[in-house]
Amino acid sequence: MHDVPRTANLLGATALAVSDLLLAGVTSAAGTSESGAAALVVLSATPGISVTELGRRIGLSQPAAARMVDALEARGLVERRQTMGRSVAVHLTGPGTAAAKELLNARGGALAGLVERLDPADRSALAGLLEKLLTAAYAEVPNSELLCRLCDRPTCTTPDTSCPVGAAERAMQ
């Protein structure tokens, strides 16, 4: 049987390899940085949030988030809209919406290519293990927005399944 250090090492190597595949696909599809790609996905799920909130959800400080939004705005992918008072909301433009869809498709394709190599029983077992790992990850990083910043949310929650991160969040409240 595998010991904990070896299994942890295998998990680390797999996580890095999967991360490299995922990020290469999304950054090339969006033509932007990793944080820019994450911002497009977050804004596609929750349009109209502030720059500060967007930064919080993707793990950037407010100044770094403002610079990233400036870059996305310069590329025509997002726009700032004045709201009540001094608040400014960030929204995807048409090209930004298209880029978010394209990068989620690229992300899904890269990951599906790996998962399809497993037989159905192994895919089912992997799904169960990943749900447990994501629940454990939420205990370590109790921020569902940050953990799911590149998630294809409609794919995660189906009539038969629920998002394990969302379930962990609800259980902690």
C-alpha atoms as a PDB file:
ATOM      1  CA  MET A   1       0.000   0.000   0.000  1.00  0.00           C
ATOM      2  CA  HIS A   2       1.162   3.541  -0.672  1.00  0.00           C
ATOM      3  CA  ASP A   3       2.405   5.610   2.196  1.00  0.00           C
ATOM      4  CA  VAL A   4       1.297   9.207   2.792  1.00  0.00           C
ATOM      5  CA  PRO A   5       4.516  10.928   1.601  1.00  0.00           C
ATOM      6  CA  ARG A   6       4.564   9.000  -1.698  1.00  0.00           C
ATOM      7  CA  THR A   7       0.859   9.561  -2.322  1.00  0.00           C
ATOM      8  CA  ALA A   8       1.256  13.257  -1.492  1.00  0.00           C
ATOM      9  CA  ASN A   9       4.187  13.437  -3.914  1.00  0.00           C
ATOM     10  CA  LEU A  10       2.146  11.754  -6.661  1.00  0.00           C
ATOM     11  CA  LEU A  11      -0.700  14.177  -5.995  1.00  0.00           C
ATOM     12  CA  GLY A  12       1.696  17.130  -6.213  1.00  0.00           C
ATOM     13  CA  ALA A  13       3.186  15.959  -9.496  1.00  0.00           C
ATOM     14  CA  THR A  14      -0.283  15.310 -10.937  1.00  0.00           C
ATOM     15  CA  ALA A  15      -1.599  18.664  -9.716  1.00  0.00           C
ATOM     16  CA  LEU A  16       1.310  20.484 -11.324  1.00  0.00           C
ATOM     17  CA  ALA A  17       0.959  18.625 -14.623  1.00  0.00           C
ATOM     18  CA  VAL A  18      -2.794  19.202 -14.736  1.00  0.00           C
ATOM     19  CA  SER A  19      -2.318  22.841 -13.764  1.00  0.00           C
ATOM     20  CA  ASP A  20       0.201  23.336 -16.555  1.00  0.00           C
ATOM     21  CA  LEU A  21      -2.206  21.825 -19.108  1.00  0.00           C
ATOM     22  CA  LEU A  22      -5.141  23.812 -17.815  1.00  0.00           C
ATOM     23  CA  LEU A  23      -3.354  27.149 -17.628  1.00  0.00           C
ATOM     24  CA  ALA A  24      -1.673  26.792 -21.004  1.00  0.00           C
ATOM     25  CA  GLY A  25      -5.078  26.242 -22.569  1.00  0.00           C
ATOM     26  CA  VAL A  26      -6.873  29.077 -20.834  1.00  0.00           C
ATOM     27  CA  THR A  27      -4.173  31.702 -21.217  1.00  0.00           C
ATOM     28  CA  SER A  28      -3.734  30.988 -24.910  1.00  0.00           C
ATOM     29  CA  ALA A  29      -7.500  30.894 -25.491  1.00  0.00           C
ATOM     30  CA  ALA A  30      -8.038  34.198 -23.681  1.00  0.00           C
ATOM     31  CA  GLY A  31      -4.762  35.758 -24.815  1.00  0.00           C
ATOM     32  CA  THR A  32      -4.244  37.042 -21.313  1.00  0.00           C
ATOM     33  CA  SER A  33      -2.544  36.240 -18.018  1.00  0.00           C
ATOM     34  CA  GLU A  34      -3.716  33.545 -15.621  1.00  0.00           C
ATOM     35  CA  SER A  35      -5.329  36.182 -13.406  1.00  0.00           C
ATOM     36  CA  GLY A  36      -6.915  37.810 -16.451  1.00  0.00           C
ATOM     37  CA  ALA A  37      -8.367  34.472 -17.510  1.00  0.00           C
ATOM     38  CA  ALA A  38      -9.699  33.883 -14.003  1.00  0.00           C
ATOM     39  CA  ALA A  39     -11.219  37.376 -13.995  1.00  0.00           C
ATOM     40  CA  LEU A  40     -13.079  36.664 -17.232  1.00  0.00           C
ATOM     41  CA  VAL A  41     -14.529  33.460 -15.788  1.00  0.00           C
ATOM     42  CA  VAL A  42     -15.521  35.141 -12.519  1.00  0.00           C
ATOM     43  CA  LEU A  43     -17.148  38.038 -14.359  1.00  0.00           C
ATOM     44  CA  SER A  44     -19.051  35.644 -16.610  1.00  0.00           C
ATOM     45  CA  ALA A  45     -20.607  34.113 -13.479  1.00  0.00           C
ATOM     46  CA  THR A  46     -20.985  37.325 -11.455  1.00  0.00           C
ATOM     47  CA  PRO A  47     -21.053  40.431 -13.640  1.00  0.00           C
ATOM     48  CA  GLY A  48     -20.973  43.861 -12.087  1.00  0.00           C
ATOM     49  CA  ILE A  49     -18.714  43.259  -9.111  1.00  0.00           C
ATOM     50  CA  SER A  50     -16.188  45.841  -8.017  1.00  0.00           C
ATOM     51  CA  VAL A  51     -12.493  45.727  -8.866  1.00  0.00           C
ATOM     52  CA  THR A  52     -11.740  45.070  -5.188  1.00  0.00           C
ATOM     53  CA  GLU A  53     -14.180  42.143  -5.025  1.00  0.00           C
ATOM     54  CA  LEU A  54     -12.872  40.763  -8.307  1.00  0.00           C
ATOM     55  CA  GLY A  55      -9.352  40.879  -6.913  1.00  0.00           C
ATOM     56  CA  ARG A  56     -10.459  39.099  -3.740  1.00  0.00           C
ATOM     57  CA  ARG A  57     -12.084  36.337  -5.754  1.00  0.00           C
ATOM     58  CA  ILE A  58      -9.004  35.662  -7.867  1.00  0.00           C
ATOM     59  CA  GLY A  59      -6.377  36.246  -5.177  1.00  0.00           C
ATOM     60  CA  LEU A  60      -5.064  39.692  -6.112  1.00  0.00           C
ATOM     61  CA  SER A  61      -4.606  42.827  -4.055  1.00  0.00           C
ATOM     62  CA  GLN A  62      -6.755  45.811  -5.000  1.00  0.00           C
ATOM     63  CA  PRO A  63      -3.887  47.617  -6.800  1.00  0.00           C
ATOM     64  CA  ALA A  64      -2.949  44.453  -8.738  1.00  0.00           C
ATOM     65  CA  ALA A  65      -6.613  43.850  -9.595  1.00  0.00           C
ATOM     66  CA  ALA A  66      -6.946  47.431 -10.840  1.00  0.00           C
ATOM     67  CA  ARG A  67      -3.914  46.991 -13.113  1.00  0.00           C
ATOM     68  CA  MET A  68      -5.303  43.696 -14.418  1.00  0.00           C
ATOM     69  CA  VAL A  69      -8.710  45.298 -15.123  1.00  0.00           C
ATOM     70  CA  ASP A  70      -6.893  48.163 -16.885  1.00  0.00           C
ATOM     71  CA  ALA A  71      -5.161  45.610 -19.132  1.00  0.00           C
ATOM     72  CA  LEU A  72      -8.410  43.735 -19.846  1.00  0.00           C
ATOM     73  CA  GLU A  73     -10.178  47.016 -20.544  1.00  0.00           C
ATOM     74  CA  ALA A  74      -7.406  48.091 -22.939  1.00  0.00           C
ATOM     75  CA  ARG A  75      -7.982  44.841 -24.856  1.00  0.00           C
ATOM     76  CA  GLY A  76     -11.721  45.521 -25.011  1.00  0.00           C
ATOM     77  CA  LEU A  77     -12.642  42.501 -22.865  1.00  0.00           C
ATOM     78  CA  VAL A  78     -14.172  44.353 -19.905  1.00  0.00           C
ATOM     79  CA  GLU A  79     -15.616  47.741 -19.146  1.00  0.00           C
ATOM     80  CA  ARG A  80     -16.076  49.712 -15.989  1.00  0.00           C
ATOM     81  CA  ARG A  81     -19.544  51.133 -15.322  1.00  0.00           C
ATOM     82  CA  GLN A  82     -20.335  53.770 -12.755  1.00  0.00           C
ATOM     83  CA  THR A  83     -22.864  52.686 -10.142  1.00  0.00           C
ATOM     84  CA  MET A  84     -24.397  54.615  -7.284  1.00  0.00           C
ATOM     85  CA  GLY A  85     -21.994  56.914  -5.516  1.00  0.00           C
ATOM     86  CA  ARG A  86     -18.319  56.353  -6.245  1.00  0.00           C
ATOM     87  CA  SER A  87     -18.596  52.630  -6.885  1.00  0.00           C
ATOM     88  CA  VAL A  88     -17.547  51.161 -10.207  1.00  0.00           C
ATOM     89  CA  ALA A  89     -18.751  47.792 -11.483  1.00  0.00           C
ATOM     90  CA  VAL A  90     -16.781  45.635 -13.911  1.00  0.00           C
ATOM     91  CA  HIS A  91     -18.635  43.910 -16.758  1.00  0.00           C
ATOM     92  CA  LEU A  92     -17.590  41.737 -19.664  1.00  0.00           C
ATOM     93  CA  THR A  93     -17.953  43.196 -23.137  1.00  0.00           C
ATOM     94  CA  GLY A  94     -19.131  41.057 -26.056  1.00  0.00           C
ATOM     95  CA  PRO A  95     -15.550  40.029 -26.872  1.00  0.00           C
ATOM     96  CA  GLY A  96     -14.954  39.387 -23.155  1.00  0.00           C
ATOM     97  CA  THR A  97     -17.940  37.055 -22.991  1.00  0.00           C
ATOM     98  CA  ALA A  98     -16.689  35.219 -26.077  1.00  0.00           C
ATOM     99  CA  ALA A  99     -13.180  34.958 -24.576  1.00  0.00           C
ATOM    100  CA  ALA A 100     -14.574  33.551 -21.311  1.00  0.00           C
ATOM    101  CA  LYS A 101     -16.530  30.894 -23.219  1.00  0.00           C
ATOM    102  CA  GLU A 102     -13.524  30.047 -25.359  1.00  0.00           C
ATOM    103  CA  LEU A 103     -11.200  29.672 -22.397  1.00  0.00           C
ATOM    104  CA  LEU A 104     -13.676  27.477 -20.508  1.00  0.00           C
ATOM    105  CA  ASN A 105     -13.957  25.286 -23.594  1.00  0.00           C
ATOM    106  CA  ALA A 106     -10.157  25.096 -23.852  1.00  0.00           C
ATOM    107  CA  ARG A 107      -9.898  24.271 -20.140  1.00  0.00           C
ATOM    108  CA  GLY A 108     -12.573  21.606 -20.408  1.00  0.00           C
ATOM    109  CA  GLY A 109     -11.024  20.071 -23.504  1.00  0.00           C
ATOM    110  CA  ALA A 110      -7.566  19.770 -21.964  1.00  0.00           C
ATOM    111  CA  LEU A 111      -8.930  18.171 -18.810  1.00  0.00           C
ATOM    112  CA  ALA A 112     -11.433  15.929 -20.613  1.00  0.00           C
ATOM    113  CA  GLY A 113      -8.583  14.581 -22.711  1.00  0.00           C
ATOM    114  CA  LEU A 114      -6.937  13.261 -19.552  1.00  0.00           C
ATOM    115  CA  VAL A 115     -10.096  11.962 -17.915  1.00  0.00           C
ATOM    116  CA  GLU A 116     -11.208  10.154 -21.088  1.00  0.00           C
ATOM    117  CA  ARG A 117      -8.118   7.948 -20.838  1.00  0.00           C
ATOM    118  CA  LEU A 118      -9.600   6.351 -17.726  1.00  0.00           C
ATOM    119  CA  ASP A 119     -12.190   3.611 -17.882  1.00  0.00           C
ATOM    120  CA  PRO A 120     -15.666   4.462 -16.518  1.00  0.00           C
ATOM    121  CA  ALA A 121     -15.055   2.830 -13.118  1.00  0.00           C
ATOM    122  CA  ASP A 122     -11.809   4.761 -12.660  1.00  0.00           C
ATOM    123  CA  ARG A 123     -13.523   8.014 -13.732  1.00  0.00           C
ATOM    124  CA  SER A 124     -16.218   7.447 -11.125  1.00  0.00           C
ATOM    125  CA  ALA A 125     -13.641   6.667  -8.442  1.00  0.00           C
ATOM    126  CA  LEU A 126     -11.620   9.736  -9.410  1.00  0.00           C
ATOM    127  CA  ALA A 127     -14.706  11.957  -9.226  1.00  0.00           C
ATOM    128  CA  GLY A 128     -15.410  10.738  -5.701  1.00  0.00           C
ATOM    129  CA  LEU A 129     -11.816  11.294  -4.622  1.00  0.00           C
ATOM    130  CA  LEU A 130     -11.702  14.753  -6.179  1.00  0.00           C
ATOM    131  CA  GLU A 131     -14.902  15.723  -4.356  1.00  0.00           C
ATOM    132  CA  LYS A 132     -13.274  14.654  -1.068  1.00  0.00           C
ATOM    133  CA  LEU A 133     -10.074  16.543  -1.884  1.00  0.00           C
ATOM    134  CA  LEU A 134     -11.991  19.704  -2.795  1.00  0.00           C
ATOM    135  CA  THR A 135     -13.933  19.495   0.456  1.00  0.00           C
ATOM    136  CA  ALA A 136     -10.616  19.176   2.317  1.00  0.00           C
ATOM    137  CA  ALA A 137      -9.175  22.060   0.280  1.00  0.00           C
ATOM    138  CA  TYR A 138     -12.080  24.254   1.349  1.00  0.00           C
ATOM    139  CA  ALA A 139     -11.227  23.522   4.985  1.00  0.00           C
ATOM    140  CA  GLU A 140      -7.700  24.834   4.272  1.00  0.00           C
ATOM    141  CA  VAL A 141      -8.749  27.757   2.032  1.00  0.00           C
ATOM    142  CA  PRO A 142     -12.310  28.657   3.064  1.00  0.00           C
ATOM    143  CA  ASN A 143     -13.002  30.802   0.019  1.00  0.00           C
ATOM    144  CA  SER A 144     -15.207  29.162  -2.590  1.00  0.00           C
ATOM    145  CA  GLU A 145     -14.752  32.026  -5.035  1.00  0.00           C
ATOM    146  CA  LEU A 146     -10.973  31.666  -4.926  1.00  0.00           C
ATOM    147  CA  LEU A 147     -11.020  27.863  -5.159  1.00  0.00           C
ATOM    148  CA  CYS A 148     -13.489  27.907  -8.061  1.00  0.00           C
ATOM    149  CA  ARG A 149     -12.082  30.896  -9.937  1.00  0.00           C
ATOM    150  CA  LEU A 150     -11.571  28.894 -13.140  1.00  0.00           C
ATOM    151  CA  CYS A 151     -14.502  26.518 -12.705  1.00  0.00           C
ATOM    152  CA  ASP A 152     -17.099  25.911 -15.346  1.00  0.00           C
ATOM    153  CA  ARG A 153     -19.877  26.232 -12.790  1.00  0.00           C
ATOM    154  CA  PRO A 154     -22.773  24.837 -14.860  1.00  0.00           C
ATOM    155  CA  THR A 155     -20.709  21.700 -15.523  1.00  0.00           C
ATOM    156  CA  CYS A 156     -19.990  21.135 -11.828  1.00  0.00           C
ATOM    157  CA  THR A 157     -23.583  21.165 -10.627  1.00  0.00           C
ATOM    158  CA  THR A 158     -25.985  18.831 -12.381  1.00  0.00           C
ATOM    159  CA  PRO A 159     -29.356  17.326 -11.391  1.00  0.00           C
ATOM    160  CA  ASP A 160     -27.436  14.355  -9.933  1.00  0.00           C
ATOM    161  CA  THR A 161     -24.479  16.167  -8.354  1.00  0.00           C
ATOM    162  CA  SER A 162     -23.657  19.304  -6.434  1.00  0.00           C
ATOM    163  CA  CYS A 163     -20.479  21.318  -6.202  1.00  0.00           C
ATOM    164  CA  PRO A 164     -18.350  19.876  -3.372  1.00  0.00           C
ATOM    165  CA  VAL A 165     -16.870  23.300  -2.598  1.00  0.00           C
ATOM    166  CA  GLY A 166     -20.316  24.863  -2.377  1.00  0.00           C
ATOM    167  CA  ALA A 167     -21.468  21.988  -0.151  1.00  0.00           C
ATOM    168  CA  ALA A 168     -18.429  22.461   2.099  1.00  0.00           C
ATOM    169  CA  GLU A 169     -19.139  26.178   2.286  1.00  0.00           C
ATOM    170  CA  ARG A 170     -22.771  25.583   3.256  1.00  0.00           C
ATOM    171  CA  ALA A 171     -21.700  23.045   5.902  1.00  0.00           C
ATOM    172  CA  MET A 172     -19.290  25.580   7.471  1.00  0.00           C
ATOM    173  CA  GLN A 173     -21.999  28.275   7.758  1.00  0.00           C
END
